Protein backbone atom coordinates (compact mmCIF):
# COMPACT_ATOMS: atom_id res chain seq x y z
CA UNK A 1 55.52 94.70 -8.15
CA UNK A 2 57.81 95.48 -5.92
CA UNK A 3 58.12 97.79 -2.79
CA UNK A 4 61.14 99.84 -2.98
CA UNK A 5 60.90 100.11 0.83
CA UNK A 6 60.42 96.37 1.33
CA UNK A 7 61.27 94.75 -1.36
CA UNK A 8 57.98 92.68 -0.97
CA UNK A 9 56.91 91.31 -4.59
CA UNK A 10 53.64 90.81 -6.22
CA UNK A 11 53.14 88.83 -8.96
CA UNK A 12 49.86 88.56 -10.80
CA UNK A 13 49.04 86.40 -13.80
CA UNK A 14 47.61 88.28 -16.39
CA UNK A 15 45.28 87.52 -19.27
CA UNK A 16 47.26 88.95 -22.06
CA UNK A 17 49.42 92.15 -22.46
CA UNK A 18 46.75 94.91 -23.60
CA UNK A 19 46.22 97.83 -21.55
CA UNK A 20 43.02 96.62 -20.39
CA UNK A 21 44.38 93.24 -19.04
CA UNK A 22 47.03 95.58 -17.42
CA UNK A 23 44.51 97.84 -15.72
CA UNK A 24 42.47 94.81 -14.81
CA UNK A 25 45.58 93.08 -13.28
CA UNK A 26 47.38 95.62 -11.75
CA UNK A 27 43.62 96.69 -9.89
CA UNK A 28 43.49 92.85 -8.57
CA UNK A 29 46.94 93.35 -7.38
CA UNK A 30 46.03 96.87 -5.56
CA UNK A 31 42.99 96.27 -4.11
CA UNK A 32 43.52 93.90 -1.34
CA UNK A 33 46.05 96.87 0.22
CA UNK A 34 45.10 98.89 2.57
CA UNK A 35 45.29 102.71 1.14
CA UNK A 36 48.30 103.29 2.79
CA UNK A 37 50.51 100.92 1.23
CA UNK A 38 49.44 102.34 -2.05
CA UNK A 39 51.48 105.42 -2.97
CA UNK A 40 53.00 105.33 -6.30
CA UNK A 41 53.65 102.90 -9.36
CA UNK A 42 56.66 103.72 -11.55
CA UNK A 43 56.53 102.26 -14.79
CA UNK A 44 58.74 101.58 -17.84
CA UNK A 45 57.10 103.23 -21.56
CA UNK A 46 55.02 100.07 -22.04
CA UNK A 47 51.94 100.40 -24.26
CA UNK A 48 50.17 98.33 -22.13
CA UNK A 49 49.99 101.29 -19.21
CA UNK A 50 47.71 103.38 -21.84
CA UNK A 51 45.17 103.62 -19.52
CA UNK A 52 47.34 104.59 -16.52
CA UNK A 53 44.52 107.14 -15.37
CA UNK A 54 42.09 105.15 -15.17
CA UNK A 55 44.45 102.71 -12.82
CA UNK A 56 45.21 105.47 -10.51
CA UNK A 57 41.46 106.58 -10.59
CA UNK A 58 40.52 103.08 -9.36
CA UNK A 59 43.39 102.56 -6.75
CA UNK A 60 44.82 106.13 -5.52
CA UNK A 61 48.07 105.69 -7.29
CA UNK A 62 50.37 108.06 -8.64
CA UNK A 63 51.95 107.04 -11.54
CA UNK A 64 55.05 108.00 -12.86
CA UNK A 65 57.04 106.81 -16.03
CA UNK A 66 60.62 106.25 -16.04
CA UNK A 67 62.61 107.93 -19.50
CA UNK A 68 62.79 105.46 -22.78
CA UNK A 69 65.56 103.20 -22.49
CA UNK A 70 66.75 104.18 -18.75
CA UNK A 71 66.56 101.31 -16.68
CA UNK A 72 68.44 102.50 -14.11
CA UNK A 73 65.36 104.95 -12.61
CA UNK A 74 63.56 101.33 -11.70
CA UNK A 75 67.05 99.63 -10.50
CA UNK A 76 65.20 97.48 -8.06
CA UNK A 77 62.09 96.41 -10.57
CA UNK A 78 65.17 95.38 -12.64
CA UNK A 79 66.90 93.42 -10.22
CA UNK A 80 64.06 91.91 -8.78
CA UNK A 81 63.22 90.84 -12.73
CA UNK A 82 66.43 89.21 -12.64
CA UNK A 83 65.99 87.30 -9.60
CA UNK A 84 62.49 86.32 -10.58
CA UNK A 85 64.13 85.11 -13.93
CA UNK A 86 66.03 81.76 -11.52
CA UNK A 87 62.24 80.95 -11.35
CA UNK A 88 61.20 81.80 -14.93
CA UNK A 89 63.60 82.18 -17.49
CA UNK A 90 63.65 84.94 -20.18
CA UNK A 91 61.49 84.10 -22.82
CA UNK A 92 59.39 81.44 -21.02
CA UNK A 93 55.44 80.96 -22.00
CA UNK A 94 54.26 82.27 -19.00
CA UNK A 95 50.83 81.44 -20.01
CA UNK A 96 51.25 78.10 -18.85
CA UNK A 97 51.88 79.35 -15.15
CA UNK A 98 48.84 79.39 -12.48
CA UNK A 99 48.56 82.30 -10.19
CA UNK A 100 49.20 79.82 -7.41
CA UNK A 101 52.75 79.09 -9.20
CA UNK A 102 53.23 82.68 -9.23
CA UNK A 103 52.31 83.49 -5.41
CA UNK A 104 54.80 80.31 -4.70
CA UNK A 105 57.41 82.47 -6.75
CA UNK A 106 56.72 85.64 -4.62
CA UNK A 107 56.44 83.74 -1.36
CA UNK A 108 59.98 82.28 -1.88
CA UNK A 109 61.46 85.73 -3.05
CA UNK A 110 59.44 87.30 0.11
CA UNK A 111 60.92 85.09 2.66
CA UNK A 112 64.30 84.80 1.27
CA UNK A 113 66.53 87.18 3.34
CA UNK A 114 68.29 90.32 1.36
CA UNK A 115 71.13 91.85 2.27
CA UNK A 116 70.37 95.42 1.58
CA UNK A 117 67.32 94.79 4.58
CA UNK A 118 70.00 93.73 6.99
CA UNK A 119 69.61 89.86 6.00
CA UNK A 120 65.64 90.22 6.95
CA UNK A 121 63.23 89.26 4.64
CA UNK A 122 60.74 91.19 2.46
CA UNK A 123 58.07 89.54 4.27
CA UNK A 124 59.38 90.74 8.07
CA UNK A 125 59.91 94.13 6.90
CA UNK A 126 56.68 94.69 5.12
CA UNK A 127 54.94 93.05 8.48
CA UNK A 128 57.01 95.63 10.70
CA UNK A 129 56.51 98.83 8.59
CA UNK A 130 52.56 97.77 8.80
CA UNK A 131 52.86 97.49 12.42
CA UNK A 132 54.43 100.45 13.13
CA UNK A 133 52.19 102.65 10.81
CA UNK A 134 49.12 100.90 12.44
CA UNK A 135 47.99 99.48 8.98
CA UNK A 136 46.02 96.14 8.73
CA UNK A 137 47.29 93.66 6.17
CA UNK A 138 44.54 91.45 4.76
CA UNK A 139 45.91 87.30 4.68
CA UNK A 140 45.54 87.10 1.31
CA UNK A 141 48.49 89.54 0.60
CA UNK A 142 50.50 89.00 3.39
CA UNK A 143 49.91 84.75 2.69
CA UNK A 144 50.24 85.25 -1.44
CA UNK A 145 47.06 83.53 -1.51
């Protein structure tokens, strides 16, 4: 998952690719976030989002779906997928990677200066945004623990 505003990345290990696995994974990822940070989720047309109404109820997210075969509607996500592939090439067996390893990858991306952020890092922008909105951020999120 990637925040459109800050480019902050969160990676969550899922047990599989079913709708129930996705629901559990997204709930796990969004639960430590302050309500002010949980606004929307834009997803593709994958069958793993069949339980999107339950996810919206449990997290307070508004969930949107991109049109089929329209990756430009999720451009930041597509770009982030490309960055993640530097660590996990396409076709990689994701089941062998631990949550700790995924957190390490996310931390690497979140501490990487980005041109679109004025060469600040996603972590810097997220922390500044939280400070400016008077939003508490839990260490588990901030440190990718």
